[in-house]
Structures are given as C-alpha cells and as structure tokens.
C-alpha atoms as a PDB file:
ATOM      1  CA  ARG A   1     -47.971  42.743  41.003  1.00  0.00           C
ATOM      2  CA  TYR A   2     -46.556  44.586  43.978  1.00  0.00           C
ATOM      3  CA  GLU A   3     -46.836  48.277  44.698  1.00  0.00           C
ATOM      4  CA  LEU A   4     -43.592  49.938  43.682  1.00  0.00           C
ATOM      5  CA  GLY A   5     -42.338  52.248  46.406  1.00  0.00           C
ATOM      6  CA  GLY A   6     -39.748  54.044  44.330  1.00  0.00           C
ATOM      7  CA  ILE A   7     -36.822  53.762  41.932  1.00  0.00           C
ATOM      8  CA  LEU A   8     -33.167  54.600  42.620  1.00  0.00           C
ATOM      9  CA  VAL A   9     -30.908  55.273  39.634  1.00  0.00           C
ATOM     10  CA  GLY A  10     -27.173  54.913  40.088  1.00  0.00           C
ATOM     11  CA  GLY A  11     -24.131  54.733  37.877  1.00  0.00           C
ATOM     12  CA  PRO A  12     -21.243  56.721  36.457  1.00  0.00           C
ATOM     13  CA  SER A  13     -22.030  60.404  36.062  1.00  0.00           C
ATOM     14  CA  PRO A  14     -22.857  60.737  32.343  1.00  0.00           C
ATOM     15  CA  THR A  15     -24.497  57.301  31.980  1.00  0.00           C
ATOM     16  CA  LYS A  16     -27.210  57.724  34.617  1.00  0.00           C
ATOM     17  CA  ASP A  17     -27.993  61.230  33.352  1.00  0.00           C
ATOM     18  CA  GLU A  18     -28.323  60.005  29.765  1.00  0.00           C
ATOM     19  CA  PHE A  19     -30.564  57.176  30.954  1.00  0.00           C
ATOM     20  CA  LEU A  20     -32.912  59.540  32.825  1.00  0.00           C
ATOM     21  CA  ASP A  21     -32.849  62.242  30.116  1.00  0.00           C
ATOM     22  CA  GLY A  22     -33.512  59.703  27.357  1.00  0.00           C
ATOM     23  CA  ASN A  23     -36.854  58.064  26.698  1.00  0.00           C
ATOM     24  CA  TYR A  24     -35.984  54.757  28.432  1.00  0.00           C
ATOM     25  CA  LEU A  25     -38.524  54.800  31.273  1.00  0.00           C
ATOM     26  CA  HIS A  26     -42.296  54.728  30.973  1.00  0.00           C
ATOM     27  CA  HIS A  27     -43.752  58.034  32.254  1.00  0.00           C
ATOM     28  CA  GLU A  28     -45.421  56.274  35.210  1.00  0.00           C
ATOM     29  CA  LEU A  29     -42.066  54.780  36.235  1.00  0.00           C
ATOM     30  CA  ARG A  30     -40.308  58.133  35.740  1.00  0.00           C
ATOM     31  CA  GLU A  31     -42.615  59.612  38.404  1.00  0.00           C
ATOM     32  CA  LYS A  32     -41.388  56.951  40.844  1.00  0.00           C
ATOM     33  CA  VAL A  33     -37.696  57.947  40.610  1.00  0.00           C
ATOM     34  CA  LEU A  34     -36.593  58.964  44.115  1.00  0.00           C
ATOM     35  CA  GLY A  35     -33.156  60.179  43.069  1.00  0.00           C
ATOM     36  CA  LYS A  36     -29.993  59.625  41.047  1.00  0.00           C
ATOM     37  CA  PHE A  37     -26.632  58.829  42.596  1.00  0.00           C
ATOM     38  CA  ASP A  38     -22.992  58.661  41.488  1.00  0.00           C
ATOM     39  CA  ILE A  39     -21.893  55.052  41.833  1.00  0.00           C
ATOM     40  CA  GLY A  40     -18.462  53.749  40.853  1.00  0.00           C
ATOM     41  CA  ASN A  41     -19.281  50.049  40.514  1.00  0.00           C
ATOM     42  CA  THR A  42     -21.725  48.632  37.976  1.00  0.00           C
ATOM     43  CA  ASP A  43     -21.748  45.025  39.247  1.00  0.00           C
ATOM     44  CA  GLU A  44     -23.645  43.600  42.244  1.00  0.00           C
ATOM     45  CA  SER A  45     -21.476  45.526  44.728  1.00  0.00           C
ATOM     46  CA  GLY A  46     -22.811  48.684  43.047  1.00  0.00           C
ATOM     47  CA  LEU A  47     -26.305  47.839  44.371  1.00  0.00           C
ATOM     48  CA  SER A  48     -25.030  48.000  47.968  1.00  0.00           C
ATOM     49  CA  GLU A  49     -23.208  51.220  47.138  1.00  0.00           C
ATOM     50  CA  LEU A  50     -26.436  52.650  45.680  1.00  0.00           C
ATOM     51  CA  VAL A  51     -28.514  51.747  48.752  1.00  0.00           C
ATOM     52  CA  ASN A  52     -25.889  53.307  51.049  1.00  0.00           C
ATOM     53  CA  ALA A  53     -25.748  56.482  48.949  1.00  0.00           C
ATOM     54  CA  ALA A  54     -29.557  56.748  49.004  1.00  0.00           C
ATOM     55  CA  SER A  55     -30.046  56.046  52.728  1.00  0.00           C
ATOM     56  CA  ASP A  56     -31.399  59.559  53.470  1.00  0.00           C
ATOM     57  CA  VAL A  57     -33.815  59.399  50.527  1.00  0.00           C
ATOM     58  CA  LEU A  58     -35.010  55.922  51.552  1.00  0.00           C
ATOM     59  CA  ALA A  59     -35.555  57.038  55.157  1.00  0.00           C
ATOM     60  CA  GLY A  60     -37.625  59.975  53.893  1.00  0.00           C
ATOM     61  CA  ALA A  61     -39.689  57.672  51.656  1.00  0.00           C
ATOM     62  CA  ALA A  62     -40.396  55.334  54.602  1.00  0.00           C
ATOM     63  CA  ILE A  63     -41.623  58.248  56.730  1.00  0.00           C
ATOM     64  CA  ILE A  64     -43.895  59.450  53.908  1.00  0.00           C
ATOM     65  CA  LYS A  65     -45.404  55.951  53.679  1.00  0.00           C
ATOM     66  CA  GLU A  66     -45.919  55.879  57.461  1.00  0.00           C
ATOM     67  CA  LYS A  67     -47.568  59.329  57.362  1.00  0.00           C
ATOM     68  CA  VAL A  68     -50.038  58.091  54.724  1.00  0.00           C
ATOM     69  CA  ILE A  69     -50.868  55.073  56.909  1.00  0.00           C
ATOM     70  CA  MET A  70     -51.359  57.220  60.018  1.00  0.00           C
ATOM     71  CA  ASN A  71     -53.510  59.739  58.113  1.00  0.00           C
ATOM     72  CA  ARG A  72     -55.773  56.883  57.003  1.00  0.00           C
ATOM     73  CA  PHE A  73     -56.103  55.791  60.656  1.00  0.00           C
ATOM     74  CA  PHE A  74     -56.972  59.351  61.729  1.00  0.00           C
ATOM     75  CA  GLU A  75     -59.585  59.641  58.955  1.00  0.00           C
ATOM     76  CA  GLU A  76     -61.252  56.405  60.089  1.00  0.00           C
ATOM     77  CA  LEU A  77     -61.028  57.496  63.724  1.00  0.00           C
ATOM     78  CA  HIS A  78     -62.652  60.837  62.873  1.00  0.00           C
ATOM     79  CA  GLN A  79     -65.498  59.067  61.054  1.00  0.00           C
ATOM     80  CA  GLY A  80     -65.856  56.886  64.143  1.00  0.00           C
ATOM     81  CA  GLU A  81     -66.470  53.488  62.565  1.00  0.00           C
ATOM     82  CA  LYS A  82     -63.407  51.680  61.260  1.00  0.00           C
ATOM     83  CA  ALA A  83     -60.604  52.446  63.718  1.00  0.00           C
ATOM     84  CA  THR A  84     -59.416  50.847  66.936  1.00  0.00           C
ATOM     85  CA  TYR A  85     -56.660  51.683  69.412  1.00  0.00           C
ATOM     86  CA  GLY A  86     -55.271  50.535  72.731  1.00  0.00           C
ATOM     87  CA  PHE A  87     -54.263  46.990  73.608  1.00  0.00           C
ATOM     88  CA  MET A  88     -57.537  45.307  74.606  1.00  0.00           C
ATOM     89  CA  PRO A  89     -59.860  46.790  71.941  1.00  0.00           C
ATOM     90  CA  THR A  90     -57.302  46.139  69.197  1.00  0.00           C
ATOM     91  CA  ARG A  91     -56.671  42.594  70.478  1.00  0.00           C
ATOM     92  CA  GLU A  92     -60.406  41.813  70.512  1.00  0.00           C
ATOM     93  CA  ASN A  93     -60.807  43.201  66.990  1.00  0.00           C
ATOM     94  CA  LEU A  94     -57.839  41.081  65.837  1.00  0.00           C
ATOM     95  CA  ILE A  95     -59.438  37.938  67.287  1.00  0.00           C
ATOM     96  CA  MET A  96     -62.672  38.762  65.413  1.00  0.00           C
ATOM     97  CA  GLY A  97     -60.694  39.155  62.172  1.00  0.00           C
ATOM     98  CA  ALA A  98     -61.858  42.764  61.881  1.00  0.00           C
ATOM     99  CA  VAL A  99     -58.432  44.443  61.647  1.00  0.00           C
ATOM    100  CA  ASP A 100     -57.245  45.124  58.097  1.00  0.00           C
ATOM    101  CA  ARG A 101     -54.011  46.892  59.101  1.00  0.00           C
ATOM    102  CA  LEU A 102     -52.354  46.717  62.525  1.00  0.00           C
ATOM    103  CA  LEU A 103     -50.259  49.753  63.498  1.00  0.00           C
ATOM    104  CA  ILE A 104     -47.528  49.246  66.102  1.00  0.00           C
ATOM    105  CA  SER A 105     -45.150  51.928  67.305  1.00  0.00           C
ATOM    106  CA  SER A 106     -41.549  50.911  66.667  1.00  0.00           C
ATOM    107  CA  ASP A 107     -40.739  52.326  70.140  1.00  0.00           C
ATOM    108  CA  LEU A 108     -43.312  50.165  71.978  1.00  0.00           C
ATOM    109  CA  ARG A 109     -41.575  48.367  74.884  1.00  0.00           C
ATOM    110  CA  LYS A 110     -44.258  46.474  76.790  1.00  0.00           C
ATOM    111  CA  ASP A 111     -45.101  42.933  77.823  1.00  0.00           C
ATOM    112  CA  VAL A 112     -48.529  41.325  77.981  1.00  0.00           C
ATOM    113  CA  ILE A 113     -49.475  39.143  80.915  1.00  0.00           C
ATOM    114  CA  ASN A 114     -52.156  36.479  80.769  1.00  0.00           C
ATOM    115  CA  ILE A 115     -53.740  36.251  84.244  1.00  0.00           C
ATOM    116  CA  VAL A 116     -55.708  33.181  85.346  1.00  0.00           C
ATOM    117  CA  CYS A 117     -57.207  32.935  88.859  1.00  0.00           C
ATOM    118  CA  GLY A 118     -58.192  29.850  90.875  1.00  0.00           C
ATOM    119  CA  ASN A 119     -61.824  30.219  89.725  1.00  0.00           C
ATOM    120  CA  GLY A 120     -60.815  30.094  86.055  1.00  0.00           C
ATOM    121  CA  HIS A 121     -61.285  33.791  85.222  1.00  0.00           C
ATOM    122  CA  GLN A 122     -58.851  34.983  82.579  1.00  0.00           C
ATOM    123  CA  SER A 123     -57.702  38.493  81.698  1.00  0.00           C
ATOM    124  CA  TYR A 124     -54.892  40.244  79.855  1.00  0.00           C
ATOM    125  CA  GLU A 125     -52.928  43.312  80.855  1.00  0.00           C
ATOM    126  CA  ILE A 126     -49.913  45.123  79.451  1.00  0.00           C
ATOM    127  CA  ILE A 127     -47.033  46.100  81.712  1.00  0.00           C
ATOM    128  CA  ASP A 128     -43.644  47.747  81.357  1.00  0.00           C
ATOM    129  CA  THR A 129     -40.926  45.346  80.217  1.00  0.00           C
ATOM    130  CA  ARG A 130     -38.804  46.405  83.200  1.00  0.00           C
ATOM    131  CA  SER A 131     -41.394  45.217  85.735  1.00  0.00           C
ATOM    132  CA  LYS A 132     -39.898  42.257  87.586  1.00  0.00           C
ATOM    133  CA  LYS A 133     -42.264  41.233  90.383  1.00  0.00           C
ATOM    134  CA  ILE A 134     -45.914  40.838  89.435  1.00  0.00           C
ATOM    135  CA  GLU A 135     -48.547  40.344  92.124  1.00  0.00           C
ATOM    136  CA  LYS A 136     -52.151  40.363  90.968  1.00  0.00           C
ATOM    137  CA  THR A 137     -55.588  39.498  92.243  1.00  0.00           C
ATOM    138  CA  CYS A 138     -58.473  38.614  89.947  1.00  0.00           C
ATOM    139  CA  SER A 139     -60.473  41.665  88.879  1.00  0.00           C
ATOM    140  CA  ASP A 140     -63.638  39.495  88.615  1.00  0.00           C
ATOM    141  CA  CYS A 141     -63.640  37.728  91.980  1.00  0.00           C
ATOM    142  CA  GLY A 142     -60.707  39.046  94.020  1.00  0.00           C
ATOM    143  CA  GLU A 143     -59.080  35.585  94.202  1.00  0.00           C
ATOM    144  CA  LYS A 144     -55.321  35.361  94.264  1.00  0.00           C
ATOM    145  CA  VAL A 145     -53.923  34.751  90.798  1.00  0.00           C
ATOM    146  CA  LYS A 146     -52.954  31.163  90.143  1.00  0.00           C
ATOM    147  CA  LEU A 147     -51.059  31.576  86.845  1.00  0.00           C
ATOM    148  CA  ILE A 148     -49.388  34.455  85.075  1.00  0.00           C
ATOM    149  CA  GLU A 149     -47.901  33.976  81.604  1.00  0.00           C
ATOM    150  CA  ARG A 150     -45.784  36.785  80.178  1.00  0.00           C
ATOM    151  CA  GLU A 151     -44.614  37.612  76.645  1.00  0.00           C
ATOM    152  CA  ASP A 152     -43.639  40.589  74.503  1.00  0.00           C
ATOM    153  CA  VAL A 153     -46.794  42.476  73.471  1.00  0.00           C
ATOM    154  CA  VAL A 154     -45.549  43.004  69.896  1.00  0.00           C
ATOM    155  CA  LYS A 155     -44.949  39.271  69.424  1.00  0.00           C
ATOM    156  CA  HIS A 156     -48.383  38.542  70.936  1.00  0.00           C
ATOM    157  CA  LEU A 157     -50.180  40.917  68.553  1.00  0.00           C
ATOM    158  CA  ILE A 158     -48.203  39.815  65.482  1.00  0.00           C
ATOM    159  CA  GLU A 159     -49.190  36.168  66.076  1.00  0.00           C
ATOM    160  CA  LEU A 160     -52.871  37.169  66.235  1.00  0.00           C
ATOM    161  CA  ALA A 161     -52.533  39.383  63.150  1.00  0.00           C
ATOM    162  CA  GLU A 162     -50.764  36.778  61.025  1.00  0.00           C
ATOM    163  CA  TYR A 163     -53.383  34.168  61.895  1.00  0.00           C
ATOM    164  CA  ARG A 164     -56.133  36.490  60.557  1.00  0.00           C
ATOM    165  CA  GLY A 165     -54.274  37.757  57.485  1.00  0.00           C
ATOM    166  CA  THR A 166     -53.878  41.281  58.886  1.00  0.00           C
ATOM    167  CA  GLU A 167     -51.213  43.594  57.446  1.00  0.00           C
ATOM    168  CA  ILE A 168     -48.707  44.774  60.057  1.00  0.00           C
ATOM    169  CA  GLU A 169     -47.095  48.210  59.925  1.00  0.00           C
ATOM    170  CA  PHE A 170     -44.391  49.472  62.275  1.00  0.00           C
ATOM    171  CA  VAL A 171     -44.548  53.242  62.693  1.00  0.00           C
ATOM    172  CA  SER A 172     -41.556  55.292  63.835  1.00  0.00           C
ATOM    173  CA  THR A 173     -41.750  58.226  66.239  1.00  0.00           C
ATOM    174  CA  ASP A 174     -39.666  60.414  63.909  1.00  0.00           C
ATOM    175  CA  PHE A 175     -42.726  62.455  62.918  1.00  0.00           C
ATOM    176  CA  GLU A 176     -45.688  63.954  64.774  1.00  0.00           C
ATOM    177  CA  GLU A 177     -48.328  61.359  63.892  1.00  0.00           C
ATOM    178  CA  GLY A 178     -45.973  58.504  64.800  1.00  0.00           C
ATOM    179  CA  ASN A 179     -45.271  60.163  68.128  1.00  0.00           C
ATOM    180  CA  GLN A 180     -49.019  60.460  68.714  1.00  0.00           C
ATOM    181  CA  LEU A 181     -49.463  56.733  68.073  1.00  0.00           C
ATOM    182  CA  LEU A 182     -47.048  55.936  70.896  1.00  0.00           C
ATOM    183  CA  HIS A 183     -48.109  58.536  73.460  1.00  0.00           C
ATOM    184  CA  ALA A 184     -51.809  59.176  72.775  1.00  0.00           C
ATOM    185  CA  PHE A 185     -52.883  55.702  71.627  1.00  0.00           C
ATOM    186  CA  GLY A 186     -50.581  53.440  73.648  1.00  0.00           C
ATOM    187  CA  GLY A 187     -48.482  52.451  70.636  1.00  0.00           C
ATOM    188  CA  ILE A 188     -51.178  50.110  69.270  1.00  0.00           C
ATOM    189  CA  ALA A 189     -53.923  50.897  66.765  1.00  0.00           C
ATOM    190  CA  GLY A 190     -55.657  49.481  63.727  1.00  0.00           C
ATOM    191  CA  VAL A 191     -57.723  50.254  60.654  1.00  0.00           C
ATOM    192  CA  LEU A 192     -60.722  47.903  60.520  1.00  0.00           C
ATOM    193  CA  ARG A 193     -62.199  45.934  57.640  1.00  0.00           C
ATOM    194  CA  PHE A 194     -65.685  46.559  58.985  1.00  0.00           C
ATOM    195  CA  PRO A 195     -67.196  48.479  61.911  1.00  0.00           C
ATOM    196  CA  THR A 196     -67.431  46.716  65.274  1.00  0.00           C
ATOM    197  CA  ASN A 197     -68.846  47.706  68.652  1.00  0.00           C
ATOM    198  CA  ILE A 198     -65.518  47.249  70.441  1.00  0.00           C
END
C-alpha cells in the first residue's frame, strides 16, 4: 500500500546472518535491505537500538530520496512546463491547485507579510525572520499601508498545500541540489500537476 523506503535487519550476530542468507525474504524485499546490525535486545527496546545503530544509513537513505525529488524538479524545469520556484509563483500555483509536490528547504528562515493599503490593494512579500520594524507603502497606489499581517512562510505554504492535497517535501542542504534549492531558488519550489502560465 505504501512505498517501502528500506528494510533494517537487526539481531544477535548469527541469527540475523542466517535470516538474510536463508530464503526467508522475497527477492524484491531483499533488494530493499539497507543494512544489518548487531543488536543485543530482541524485544521492543531492540527496535530503538536498531534505529540508533542505523542512524548513518537512514540519513544516507533520506538524502538519496531528496536527490531523486530534486532531480525530478530539475528535469521539469529543464523541459520548461511543469516546474515553479520562488515564493509568489509557487504560492499562486498552490492556490490554483497546480502543485503536485511542494519543495521547501529545511533551512528556510523567512516570514511572509500580507500587506493591505487604505485603498484595499493587497500584496504578499517575504522578509527575513529577524526583521523587526516593517514600514511599507502600497506598490499599486503609493498609499501608506493600513494593515500588515505576518506569519512564518513555511506554515503559510503548508496550509495552502494541505488544502489542495499537495505533497510536501523538506529538502536538506547537505547535498548540492538541496543547497541550490535554498540559494538559487529562494528555498521554495514545486513540481506541477499541469503546466501553467505563472
């Protein structure tokens, strides 16, 4: 039902080896084994011990998954039809329900401000989370801003994504493509369900 990311095998030294060497796993499951680990406990506490022992392997598997996701984004970007990046284009595509998978850098530290002027014009802008004083004039009419609402940009985008049934992926900066997402694309991107003109 769900895509299996990988299998960890743990146990006393001869037992886990006999299990893997024997014909106990279907060949498709055998290909999913990420590693085998010496574990002293065979009860529920052994599961925690297994996860701790496999932390390096699990971190590597997460990065591989993130690389696959980023490569898909780059393919769509190269073809020029089903990719979006940057706050405003991605936000507009989310509102349209066009984003299949939202990519957010795990190092993104920004807020979004909702700006409303006295004439009723509304706009959004992202700012650094450390910015304290915000003074804005309306970009449409030059009027002094009447209302500014502020929230974390990640929370803002997740709410839009969940409402439209969009998958959300957090991408680390521990590899080149993840670093590119943060620095070249503003930490926000998406793979689209269908092409848009945004």
